Amino acid sequence: MNEKKKILFMTNHLDLGGVERVILDIVNGMDSEKFDITLICLFRYEPQKFEIAEHVKVKKIFGFYFKGFSALLSHFPQKWLYKWIVREKYDYEVAFQAGEPTLLLAHSKNKEAPKYCWVHGLDMTNPEANDCYDKIIFVGQAVKEHYQHLFANQDKLLVRYNPMDFTQITKFSEEAVEEKPSDVPVLCAVGRLSEEKGFLRLLSAVKKLCESHYPVRLWLVGDGYQREELEKFVEMNQLQSVVKFWGFQKNPYKFLKRADCFVCSSFIEGFSVAASEALFLEKPIVTTDVFGMAELIADSEAGIITENSEDAFYNGLVQILTGNNLDKYTQNAKKRASAFFGQQDRIRGIEELFQ
């Protein structure tokens, strides 16, 4: 029997957000008979929020984070930090996020191990560090096209879509939501409650819908530093009966399943995990024009991609809520889900990187 390949994945946080779910989908799904996997988490560390397979070794380094901490670490000698943090020898080293993971492993002392880095969106802060890697993995074609002009060696630029555990999503989506069935369309947004997600303009758009007599409900699934500000907006504009904050949920799929439409108001995205999951669950999408959405929706009319502005996003919501458009887009989403997800084995495509 061949010896297992030892693979190191390094990430910033293990607490909230789509990137955390993606890395765990990858390491949980990889063949434990072929790969010996270690996941190093540098900063925030709350593993109890996730399902982590027994074969995955998780190592906490600092366990906390404050604004500017990553920038502060970047001024330390990276080879010294590498020696202190990475204490074993691996066959492959993977920086799964921008910032300190990418900078640190670019200074690896292990010259024998191929090094890969992931790029999730507009998060490439140091292209010179990325160029030190043997392969640069982009989560979507649009992200790759945005950055490819920075690199002379185009052969090392690859695209690997985020893997999804279809069996788990289907199973967990059947769990009940403790909420009375709504007699009006339910819009659902999933993500970290932070500024780049554009949730303030989403709430503003919902306020305008109510003022224009478009009855809706909005579910916000997720948590983050902006929650208090968002809740204050809801209270000031008397939207308490319209908007519900569900907080962080280990199982966001049950909310997506029971919603009528997924909404993404982000200013920036890489390849939205939540939007992908919503489409898999056959939900139409209204989204701003961010990376990944054109690839996800394509020409299927499974959703509406608007200009990246509050007015355009509002108009997209009006469009899908007008007449029988919601039913039409829902039927298109079902067809697109079957076409987009039906023939993909994304974990195997990632495992091939380590053969």
Protein backbone atom coordinates (compact mmCIF):
# COMPACT_ATOMS: atom_id res chain seq x y z
CA MET A 1 0.00 0.00 0.00
CA ASN A 2 1.32 3.43 -0.93
CA GLU A 3 2.23 5.74 1.93
CA LYS A 4 -0.22 8.52 2.63
CA LYS A 5 0.61 12.00 1.33
CA LYS A 6 1.03 14.48 4.18
CA ILE A 7 -0.77 17.72 3.32
CA LEU A 8 -0.76 20.96 5.28
CA PHE A 9 -3.62 23.42 4.78
CA MET A 10 -3.26 26.81 6.46
CA THR A 11 -6.11 29.27 6.97
CA ASN A 12 -6.76 32.48 8.89
CA HIS A 13 -9.88 31.66 10.90
CA LEU A 14 -12.22 28.87 11.84
CA ASP A 15 -15.26 30.74 13.10
CA LEU A 16 -17.74 32.17 10.59
CA GLY A 17 -18.15 32.51 6.87
CA GLY A 18 -18.04 30.66 3.59
CA VAL A 19 -14.28 30.14 3.33
CA GLU A 20 -14.30 28.13 6.54
CA ARG A 21 -17.07 25.91 5.23
CA VAL A 22 -15.19 25.40 1.97
CA ILE A 23 -11.91 24.34 3.57
CA LEU A 24 -13.75 21.89 5.83
CA ASP A 25 -15.72 20.48 2.89
CA ILE A 26 -12.38 19.86 1.19
CA VAL A 27 -10.46 18.26 4.06
CA ASN A 28 -13.49 16.28 5.29
CA GLY A 29 -14.13 14.96 1.81
CA MET A 30 -10.62 13.95 0.81
CA ASP A 31 -9.78 10.25 0.91
CA SER A 32 -8.41 9.44 4.38
CA GLU A 33 -6.77 6.30 2.97
CA LYS A 34 -4.60 8.39 0.66
CA PHE A 35 -4.04 11.65 2.53
CA ASP A 36 -2.82 12.58 6.01
CA ILE A 37 -4.29 16.06 6.48
CA THR A 38 -3.40 18.81 8.94
CA LEU A 39 -5.30 22.10 9.09
CA ILE A 40 -3.51 24.97 10.81
CA CYS A 41 -5.78 27.81 11.96
CA LEU A 42 -3.86 30.97 12.76
CA PHE A 43 -6.41 33.25 14.39
CA ARG A 44 -10.05 32.93 15.51
CA TYR A 45 -10.78 29.35 16.41
CA GLU A 46 -14.26 27.99 17.19
CA PRO A 47 -14.31 24.42 15.88
CA GLN A 48 -17.51 23.60 17.76
CA LYS A 49 -19.41 25.48 15.05
CA PHE A 50 -18.44 22.93 12.41
CA GLU A 51 -18.38 19.23 11.66
CA ILE A 52 -14.74 18.12 11.39
CA ALA A 53 -13.90 14.59 10.28
CA GLU A 54 -11.88 12.44 12.68
CA HIS A 55 -9.05 12.00 10.18
CA VAL A 56 -8.39 15.77 10.02
CA LYS A 57 -5.85 17.10 12.52
CA VAL A 58 -6.60 20.72 13.44
CA LYS A 59 -3.95 22.90 15.11
CA LYS A 60 -4.72 26.22 16.76
CA ILE A 61 -1.94 28.82 16.79
CA PHE A 62 -3.11 32.11 18.38
CA GLY A 63 -6.83 31.49 18.83
CA PHE A 64 -7.78 35.17 18.70
CA TYR A 65 -7.70 38.13 16.35
CA PHE A 66 -7.79 41.91 16.47
CA LYS A 67 -7.81 44.43 13.65
CA GLY A 68 -4.31 44.79 12.27
CA PHE A 69 -2.99 41.55 13.78
CA SER A 70 -2.26 39.99 10.38
CA ALA A 71 -0.53 43.19 9.22
CA LEU A 72 1.51 43.18 12.41
CA LEU A 73 2.65 39.61 11.82
CA SER A 74 3.70 40.48 8.28
CA HIS A 75 6.50 42.62 9.78
CA PHE A 76 7.98 39.66 11.64
CA PRO A 77 10.67 37.53 9.94
CA GLN A 78 8.47 35.07 8.06
CA LYS A 79 11.08 32.28 8.03
CA TRP A 80 11.21 32.48 11.83
CA LEU A 81 7.40 32.39 12.05
CA TYR A 82 7.33 29.44 9.66
CA LYS A 83 9.78 27.51 11.86
CA TRP A 84 7.72 28.29 14.97
CA ILE A 85 4.29 27.49 13.46
CA VAL A 86 5.03 24.66 11.00
CA ARG A 87 6.87 22.11 13.09
CA GLU A 88 6.50 19.06 10.88
CA LYS A 89 7.55 18.20 7.37
CA TYR A 90 4.79 17.83 4.80
CA ASP A 91 4.62 16.56 1.24
CA TYR A 92 2.47 19.52 0.17
CA GLU A 93 1.83 22.94 1.73
CA VAL A 94 -1.34 24.86 0.92
CA ALA A 95 -2.12 28.48 1.82
CA PHE A 96 -5.91 28.50 1.71
CA GLN A 97 -6.41 32.22 2.35
CA ALA A 98 -4.79 35.52 1.52
CA GLY A 99 -2.85 37.48 4.07
CA GLU A 100 -0.62 35.73 6.56
CA PRO A 101 -1.13 32.12 5.33
CA THR A 102 0.00 33.07 1.81
CA LEU A 103 2.87 35.25 3.04
CA LEU A 104 4.06 32.68 5.58
CA LEU A 105 4.14 29.62 3.32
CA ALA A 106 5.82 31.67 0.59
CA HIS A 107 8.80 31.64 2.98
CA SER A 108 8.65 27.91 3.64
CA LYS A 109 11.90 26.20 4.59
CA ASN A 110 10.61 22.94 3.09
CA LYS A 111 12.03 23.18 -0.42
CA GLU A 112 10.91 19.68 -1.37
CA ALA A 113 7.18 20.27 -0.87
CA PRO A 114 5.14 21.72 -3.75
CA LYS A 115 3.26 24.79 -2.58
CA TYR A 116 -0.24 25.82 -3.62
CA CYS A 117 -2.28 28.91 -2.74
CA TRP A 118 -6.01 29.53 -3.10
CA VAL A 119 -7.46 32.84 -4.31
CA HIS A 120 -11.12 33.39 -3.40
CA GLY A 121 -11.79 36.83 -4.84
CA LEU A 122 -10.42 40.34 -4.55
CA ASP A 123 -8.12 39.24 -1.75
CA MET A 124 -4.73 39.00 -3.44
CA THR A 125 -2.81 41.55 -1.41
CA ASN A 126 0.71 40.49 -2.34
CA PRO A 127 1.07 39.09 -5.89
CA GLU A 128 4.82 38.67 -5.40
CA ALA A 129 4.13 36.20 -2.58
CA ASN A 130 1.56 34.36 -4.71
CA ASP A 131 4.08 34.08 -7.53
CA CYS A 132 6.31 31.98 -5.24
CA TYR A 133 3.78 29.15 -5.39
CA ASP A 134 3.90 26.18 -7.75
CA LYS A 135 0.17 26.39 -8.41
CA ILE A 136 -2.33 29.19 -7.84
CA ILE A 137 -5.88 27.91 -7.46
CA PHE A 138 -8.76 30.25 -8.27
CA VAL A 139 -12.33 29.48 -7.16
CA GLY A 140 -13.82 30.62 -10.46
CA GLN A 141 -12.93 31.51 -14.01
CA ALA A 142 -13.76 35.19 -13.56
CA VAL A 143 -11.41 35.45 -10.57
CA LYS A 144 -8.62 33.85 -12.59
CA GLU A 145 -9.18 36.20 -15.54
CA HIS A 146 -9.02 39.19 -13.20
CA TYR A 147 -5.54 38.28 -11.95
CA GLN A 148 -3.88 36.28 -14.72
CA HIS A 149 -2.12 39.31 -16.24
CA LEU A 150 0.06 39.49 -13.11
CA PHE A 151 1.78 36.16 -13.78
CA ALA A 152 4.22 35.21 -16.51
CA ASN A 153 3.66 31.47 -16.07
CA GLN A 154 0.04 30.93 -17.03
CA ASP A 155 0.35 27.14 -16.73
CA LYS A 156 0.33 27.26 -12.95
CA LEU A 157 -2.98 29.13 -12.82
CA LEU A 158 -5.85 26.68 -12.27
CA VAL A 159 -9.56 26.85 -11.50
CA ARG A 160 -11.19 24.58 -8.93
CA TYR A 161 -14.77 25.30 -7.97
CA ASN A 162 -15.66 25.05 -4.30
CA PRO A 163 -16.70 21.50 -3.43
CA MET A 164 -20.13 20.89 -1.95
CA ASP A 165 -21.35 17.97 0.11
CA PHE A 166 -24.59 17.39 -1.80
CA THR A 167 -25.69 14.52 0.44
CA GLN A 168 -25.28 16.60 3.59
CA ILE A 169 -26.97 19.66 2.11
CA THR A 170 -29.96 17.59 1.01
CA LYS A 171 -30.24 15.84 4.38
CA PHE A 172 -29.94 18.97 6.52
CA SER A 173 -32.24 20.99 4.28
CA GLU A 174 -35.11 18.74 5.36
CA GLU A 175 -34.86 19.81 9.00
CA ALA A 176 -37.74 21.93 10.26
CA VAL A 177 -37.58 25.69 10.71
CA GLU A 178 -39.45 26.92 13.77
CA GLU A 179 -41.35 29.58 11.92
CA LYS A 180 -44.94 29.82 10.74
CA PRO A 181 -45.29 29.39 6.97
CA SER A 182 -45.29 32.75 5.25
CA ASP A 183 -48.10 33.90 3.00
CA VAL A 184 -45.72 36.27 1.20
CA PRO A 185 -42.40 35.60 -0.62
CA VAL A 186 -39.46 34.94 1.68
CA LEU A 187 -36.08 36.34 0.64
CA CYS A 188 -33.05 34.74 2.28
CA ALA A 189 -29.48 36.00 2.63
CA VAL A 190 -26.71 33.92 4.20
CA GLY A 191 -23.33 35.24 5.24
CA ARG A 192 -21.13 37.09 7.67
CA LEU A 193 -22.81 40.30 8.82
CA SER A 194 -20.05 42.59 7.67
CA GLU A 195 -19.81 45.65 5.46
CA GLU A 196 -18.61 44.00 2.25
CA LYS A 197 -21.78 41.87 2.15
CA GLY A 198 -23.92 44.96 1.56
CA PHE A 199 -26.62 44.04 4.07
CA LEU A 200 -27.43 47.68 4.82
CA ARG A 201 -28.38 48.27 1.21
CA LEU A 202 -30.33 45.00 1.26
CA LEU A 203 -32.35 46.30 4.21
CA SER A 204 -32.80 49.63 2.44
CA ALA A 205 -34.10 47.81 -0.64
CA VAL A 206 -36.53 45.78 1.48
CA LYS A 207 -37.76 49.01 3.09
CA LYS A 208 -38.45 50.41 -0.39
CA LEU A 209 -40.28 47.20 -1.36
CA CYS A 210 -42.58 47.60 1.64
CA GLU A 211 -43.18 51.25 0.83
CA SER A 212 -44.02 50.26 -2.76
CA HIS A 213 -46.47 47.62 -1.53
CA TYR A 214 -44.45 44.54 -2.41
CA PRO A 215 -45.15 42.25 0.55
CA VAL A 216 -42.04 40.22 1.48
CA ARG A 217 -40.19 38.69 4.39
CA LEU A 218 -36.39 38.75 4.73
CA TRP A 219 -34.37 36.14 6.60
CA LEU A 220 -30.78 37.01 7.49
CA VAL A 221 -28.78 33.91 8.41
CA GLY A 222 -25.37 34.69 9.87
CA ASP A 223 -23.61 36.78 12.46
CA GLY A 224 -20.86 39.38 12.57
CA TYR A 225 -19.71 42.75 13.82
CA GLN A 226 -22.36 44.67 11.84
CA ARG A 227 -25.34 42.95 13.44
CA GLU A 228 -26.09 45.69 15.95
CA GLU A 229 -26.07 48.33 13.22
CA LEU A 230 -28.39 46.26 11.04
CA GLU A 231 -30.78 45.58 13.90
CA LYS A 232 -30.87 49.31 14.68
CA PHE A 233 -31.81 50.04 11.04
CA VAL A 234 -34.64 47.51 11.24
CA GLU A 235 -35.93 49.03 14.47
CA MET A 236 -35.70 52.65 13.26
CA ASN A 237 -37.60 51.80 10.09
CA GLN A 238 -40.19 49.58 11.84
CA LEU A 239 -39.27 46.49 9.87
CA GLN A 240 -39.39 44.08 12.80
CA SER A 241 -42.34 42.18 11.31
CA VAL A 242 -40.53 41.91 7.95
CA VAL A 243 -36.90 41.09 8.81
CA LYS A 244 -35.75 38.21 11.00
CA PHE A 245 -32.18 37.72 12.21
CA TRP A 246 -31.44 34.02 12.67
CA GLY A 247 -27.82 34.46 13.78
CA PHE A 248 -25.10 31.93 13.04
CA GLN A 249 -26.51 28.54 12.07
CA LYS A 250 -24.60 25.28 11.68
CA ASN A 251 -27.37 24.32 9.27
CA PRO A 252 -28.20 27.20 6.92
CA TYR A 253 -29.67 24.80 4.35
CA LYS A 254 -33.05 24.43 6.04
CA PHE A 255 -33.57 28.20 5.73
CA LEU A 256 -32.57 28.22 2.06
CA LYS A 257 -34.89 25.30 1.40
CA ARG A 258 -37.90 27.13 2.84
CA ALA A 259 -37.17 30.49 1.28
CA ASP A 260 -38.53 31.52 -2.10
CA CYS A 261 -35.49 33.42 -3.36
CA PHE A 262 -31.84 33.81 -2.41
CA VAL A 263 -30.48 37.36 -2.40
CA CYS A 264 -26.88 38.55 -2.53
CA SER A 265 -26.24 42.26 -2.04
CA SER A 266 -22.44 42.00 -1.77
CA PHE A 267 -20.00 44.61 -2.97
CA ILE A 268 -17.40 41.87 -3.56
CA GLU A 269 -17.43 38.07 -3.67
CA GLY A 270 -15.18 35.31 -4.92
CA PHE A 271 -17.51 32.45 -5.80
CA SER A 272 -20.35 32.62 -3.32
CA VAL A 273 -20.74 29.41 -1.33
CA ALA A 274 -24.20 30.39 -0.15
CA ALA A 275 -25.40 31.25 -3.66
CA SER A 276 -24.14 27.89 -4.92
CA GLU A 277 -25.95 26.09 -2.13
CA ALA A 278 -29.13 28.03 -2.83
CA LEU A 279 -29.03 27.11 -6.51
CA PHE A 280 -28.41 23.45 -5.63
CA LEU A 281 -31.59 23.68 -3.55
CA GLU A 282 -33.31 25.04 -6.67
CA LYS A 283 -33.80 28.59 -5.47
CA PRO A 284 -33.69 31.55 -7.89
CA ILE A 285 -31.13 34.24 -7.16
CA VAL A 286 -31.14 38.02 -7.23
CA THR A 287 -27.59 39.29 -6.95
CA THR A 288 -25.30 42.18 -7.60
CA ASP A 289 -22.70 41.66 -10.32
CA VAL A 290 -19.87 40.06 -8.34
CA PHE A 291 -17.37 37.34 -9.23
CA GLY A 292 -18.87 33.93 -9.86
CA MET A 293 -22.50 34.84 -10.44
CA ALA A 294 -22.29 34.89 -14.23
CA GLU A 295 -20.70 31.42 -14.14
CA LEU A 296 -23.32 30.16 -11.69
CA ILE A 297 -26.41 31.53 -13.41
CA ALA A 298 -25.06 31.76 -17.00
CA ASP A 299 -27.83 32.16 -19.60
CA SER A 300 -30.28 30.00 -17.67
CA GLU A 301 -32.48 32.82 -16.33
CA ALA A 302 -32.24 31.10 -12.96
CA GLY A 303 -31.79 34.52 -11.45
CA ILE A 304 -31.18 38.20 -12.00
CA ILE A 305 -27.74 39.81 -11.96
CA THR A 306 -27.92 43.56 -11.41
CA GLU A 307 -25.38 46.35 -11.55
CA ASN A 308 -23.50 46.69 -8.28
CA SER A 309 -25.58 49.54 -6.89
CA GLU A 310 -28.45 49.85 -4.44
CA ASP A 311 -30.94 51.16 -7.01
CA ALA A 312 -30.15 48.43 -9.53
CA PHE A 313 -30.39 45.76 -6.84
CA TYR A 314 -33.77 47.10 -5.72
CA ASN A 315 -35.01 47.03 -9.31
CA GLY A 316 -33.88 43.40 -9.58
CA LEU A 317 -35.98 42.53 -6.53
CA VAL A 318 -38.96 44.34 -8.02
CA GLN A 319 -38.51 42.41 -11.25
CA ILE A 320 -38.55 38.97 -9.64
CA LEU A 321 -41.52 39.88 -7.41
CA THR A 322 -43.64 41.19 -10.29
CA GLY A 323 -46.39 39.06 -11.80
CA ASN A 324 -45.49 35.37 -12.07
CA ASN A 325 -41.76 36.02 -12.47
CA LEU A 326 -40.88 34.29 -9.19
CA ASP A 327 -42.49 31.06 -10.40
CA LYS A 328 -40.74 31.36 -13.78
CA TYR A 329 -37.32 31.93 -12.26
CA THR A 330 -37.87 29.08 -9.80
CA GLN A 331 -38.53 26.65 -12.64
CA ASN A 332 -35.41 27.91 -14.42
CA ALA A 333 -33.39 27.43 -11.22
CA LYS A 334 -34.45 23.79 -11.04
CA LYS A 335 -33.20 23.21 -14.59
CA ARG A 336 -29.95 25.08 -13.98
CA ALA A 337 -29.24 23.17 -10.76
CA SER A 338 -29.51 19.86 -12.59
CA ALA A 339 -27.22 21.05 -15.39
CA PHE A 340 -24.59 22.80 -13.24
CA PHE A 341 -24.21 20.30 -10.40
CA GLY A 342 -25.19 17.05 -12.06
CA GLN A 343 -21.83 15.91 -13.44
CA GLN A 344 -19.32 17.39 -11.02
CA ASP A 345 -17.02 15.62 -8.60
CA ARG A 346 -15.13 18.59 -7.25
CA ILE A 347 -13.30 16.81 -4.45
CA ARG A 348 -11.70 14.42 -6.91
CA GLY A 349 -10.54 17.40 -8.96
CA ILE A 350 -8.80 18.79 -5.89
CA GLU A 351 -7.30 15.44 -4.92
CA GLU A 352 -5.72 15.23 -8.36
CA LEU A 353 -3.53 18.22 -7.38
CA PHE A 354 -1.77 16.00 -4.88
CA GLN A 355 -1.10 12.93 -7.03
